């Protein structure tokens, strides 16, 4: 539990202090945090898997790819000009 606590503090504070001096907003920083958490959890899971087969590859790496694609899709939708259309 202490290892995951340390990792979560790193995931939160490293992007926070890096982007603190930039003009990035809270929603864009949230996208960075979501992708970082998904990658961290899947890398930890990948280190614990003893026998890899095609199902585990699809599940682990597919969820990372699905997160990236989901972030791109959500950022390309324009429900509100200042909420979701930051990157396009």
C-alpha atoms as a PDB file:
ATOM      1  CA  UNK A   1       0.000   0.000   0.000  1.00  0.00           C
ATOM      2  CA  UNK A   2       2.856   2.376   0.698  1.00  0.00           C
ATOM      3  CA  UNK A   3       4.267   1.695  -2.756  1.00  0.00           C
ATOM      4  CA  UNK A   4       0.995   2.645  -4.416  1.00  0.00           C
ATOM      5  CA  UNK A   5       0.681   5.691  -2.147  1.00  0.00           C
ATOM      6  CA  UNK A   6       4.127   6.842  -3.229  1.00  0.00           C
ATOM      7  CA  UNK A   7       3.299   6.217  -6.896  1.00  0.00           C
ATOM      8  CA  UNK A   8       0.034   8.115  -6.657  1.00  0.00           C
ATOM      9  CA  UNK A   9       1.769  11.095  -5.051  1.00  0.00           C
ATOM     10  CA  UNK A  10       4.333  11.104  -7.859  1.00  0.00           C
ATOM     11  CA  UNK A  11       1.591  10.885 -10.502  1.00  0.00           C
ATOM     12  CA  UNK A  12      -0.238  13.805  -8.930  1.00  0.00           C
ATOM     13  CA  UNK A  13       2.570  16.196  -8.025  1.00  0.00           C
ATOM     14  CA  UNK A  14       5.031  15.763 -10.912  1.00  0.00           C
ATOM     15  CA  UNK A  15       2.553  16.897 -13.610  1.00  0.00           C
ATOM     16  CA  UNK A  16       1.108  19.477 -11.213  1.00  0.00           C
ATOM     17  CA  UNK A  17       4.458  21.198 -10.668  1.00  0.00           C
ATOM     18  CA  UNK A  18       5.573  20.779 -14.291  1.00  0.00           C
ATOM     19  CA  UNK A  19       2.392  22.364 -15.679  1.00  0.00           C
ATOM     20  CA  UNK A  20       2.025  24.859 -12.817  1.00  0.00           C
ATOM     21  CA  UNK A  21       4.144  27.418 -14.658  1.00  0.00           C
ATOM     22  CA  UNK A  22       2.333  26.915 -17.984  1.00  0.00           C
ATOM     23  CA  UNK A  23      -1.053  28.080 -19.162  1.00  0.00           C
ATOM     24  CA  UNK A  24      -2.604  24.584 -19.160  1.00  0.00           C
ATOM     25  CA  UNK A  25      -6.011  24.446 -17.483  1.00  0.00           C
ATOM     26  CA  UNK A  26      -7.423  21.982 -14.975  1.00  0.00           C
ATOM     27  CA  UNK A  27      -9.278  19.893 -17.555  1.00  0.00           C
ATOM     28  CA  UNK A  28      -6.154  19.336 -19.635  1.00  0.00           C
ATOM     29  CA  UNK A  29      -4.164  18.470 -16.525  1.00  0.00           C
ATOM     30  CA  UNK A  30      -6.880  15.974 -15.649  1.00  0.00           C
ATOM     31  CA  UNK A  31      -6.327  14.261 -18.996  1.00  0.00           C
ATOM     32  CA  UNK A  32      -2.644  13.895 -18.148  1.00  0.00           C
ATOM     33  CA  UNK A  33      -3.529  12.417 -14.751  1.00  0.00           C
ATOM     34  CA  UNK A  34      -6.018   9.932 -16.232  1.00  0.00           C
ATOM     35  CA  UNK A  35      -3.546   8.639 -18.796  1.00  0.00           C
ATOM     36  CA  UNK A  36      -0.782   8.429 -16.179  1.00  0.00           C
ATOM     37  CA  UNK A  37      -2.979   6.411 -13.815  1.00  0.00           C
ATOM     38  CA  UNK A  38      -4.091   3.978 -16.515  1.00  0.00           C
ATOM     39  CA  UNK A  39      -0.512   3.429 -17.703  1.00  0.00           C
ATOM     40  CA  UNK A  40       0.739   2.976 -14.129  1.00  0.00           C
ATOM     41  CA  UNK A  41      -1.943   0.453 -13.209  1.00  0.00           C
ATOM     42  CA  UNK A  42      -1.432  -1.544 -16.405  1.00  0.00           C
ATOM     43  CA  UNK A  43       2.358  -1.590 -16.059  1.00  0.00           C
ATOM     44  CA  UNK A  44       1.987  -2.825 -12.473  1.00  0.00           C
ATOM     45  CA  UNK A  45      -0.439  -5.469 -13.693  1.00  0.00           C
ATOM     46  CA  UNK A  46       1.902  -6.452 -16.526  1.00  0.00           C
ATOM     47  CA  UNK A  47       4.735  -6.999 -14.040  1.00  0.00           C
ATOM     48  CA  UNK A  48       2.527  -9.371 -12.011  1.00  0.00           C
ATOM     49  CA  UNK A  49       1.362 -11.534 -14.923  1.00  0.00           C
ATOM     50  CA  UNK A  50       3.243 -14.820 -15.039  1.00  0.00           C
ATOM     51  CA  UNK A  51       1.963 -16.335 -18.286  1.00  0.00           C
ATOM     52  CA  UNK A  52       1.233 -14.038 -21.184  1.00  0.00           C
ATOM     53  CA  UNK A  53      -1.156 -15.055 -23.934  1.00  0.00           C
ATOM     54  CA  UNK A  54      -3.137 -13.112 -26.481  1.00  0.00           C
ATOM     55  CA  UNK A  55      -6.040 -12.473 -24.075  1.00  0.00           C
ATOM     56  CA  UNK A  56      -3.818 -10.800 -21.483  1.00  0.00           C
ATOM     57  CA  UNK A  57      -2.052  -8.740 -24.151  1.00  0.00           C
ATOM     58  CA  UNK A  58      -5.390  -7.534 -25.524  1.00  0.00           C
ATOM     59  CA  UNK A  59      -6.716  -6.734 -22.042  1.00  0.00           C
ATOM     60  CA  UNK A  60      -3.652  -4.893 -20.745  1.00  0.00           C
ATOM     61  CA  UNK A  61      -2.513  -2.988 -23.796  1.00  0.00           C
ATOM     62  CA  UNK A  62      -6.022  -2.608 -25.196  1.00  0.00           C
ATOM     63  CA  UNK A  63      -7.118  -0.697 -22.127  1.00  0.00           C
ATOM     64  CA  UNK A  64      -4.187   1.701 -22.516  1.00  0.00           C
ATOM     65  CA  UNK A  65      -5.016   2.248 -26.191  1.00  0.00           C
ATOM     66  CA  UNK A  66      -8.737   2.622 -25.369  1.00  0.00           C
ATOM     67  CA  UNK A  67      -7.900   5.303 -22.812  1.00  0.00           C
ATOM     68  CA  UNK A  68      -5.811   7.261 -25.301  1.00  0.00           C
ATOM     69  CA  UNK A  69      -8.546   6.983 -27.935  1.00  0.00           C
ATOM     70  CA  UNK A  70     -11.215   7.926 -25.401  1.00  0.00           C
ATOM     71  CA  UNK A  71      -9.289  11.036 -24.420  1.00  0.00           C
ATOM     72  CA  UNK A  72      -8.872  12.021 -28.068  1.00  0.00           C
ATOM     73  CA  UNK A  73     -12.576  11.498 -28.769  1.00  0.00           C
ATOM     74  CA  UNK A  74     -13.693  13.419 -25.686  1.00  0.00           C
ATOM     75  CA  UNK A  75     -11.331  16.281 -26.508  1.00  0.00           C
ATOM     76  CA  UNK A  76     -12.533  16.470 -30.105  1.00  0.00           C
ATOM     77  CA  UNK A  77     -16.210  16.782 -29.132  1.00  0.00           C
ATOM     78  CA  UNK A  78     -17.380  20.324 -28.691  1.00  0.00           C
ATOM     79  CA  UNK A  79     -20.182  20.296 -26.149  1.00  0.00           C
ATOM     80  CA  UNK A  80     -18.805  23.497 -24.723  1.00  0.00           C
ATOM     81  CA  UNK A  81     -16.158  25.763 -26.163  1.00  0.00           C
ATOM     82  CA  UNK A  82     -14.132  25.979 -22.983  1.00  0.00           C
ATOM     83  CA  UNK A  83     -14.772  22.526 -21.492  1.00  0.00           C
ATOM     84  CA  UNK A  84     -13.901  19.857 -24.050  1.00  0.00           C
ATOM     85  CA  UNK A  85     -12.389  21.546 -27.094  1.00  0.00           C
ATOM     86  CA  UNK A  86      -8.911  22.251 -25.726  1.00  0.00           C
ATOM     87  CA  UNK A  87      -6.806  20.355 -28.211  1.00  0.00           C
ATOM     88  CA  UNK A  88      -8.637  20.941 -31.474  1.00  0.00           C
END
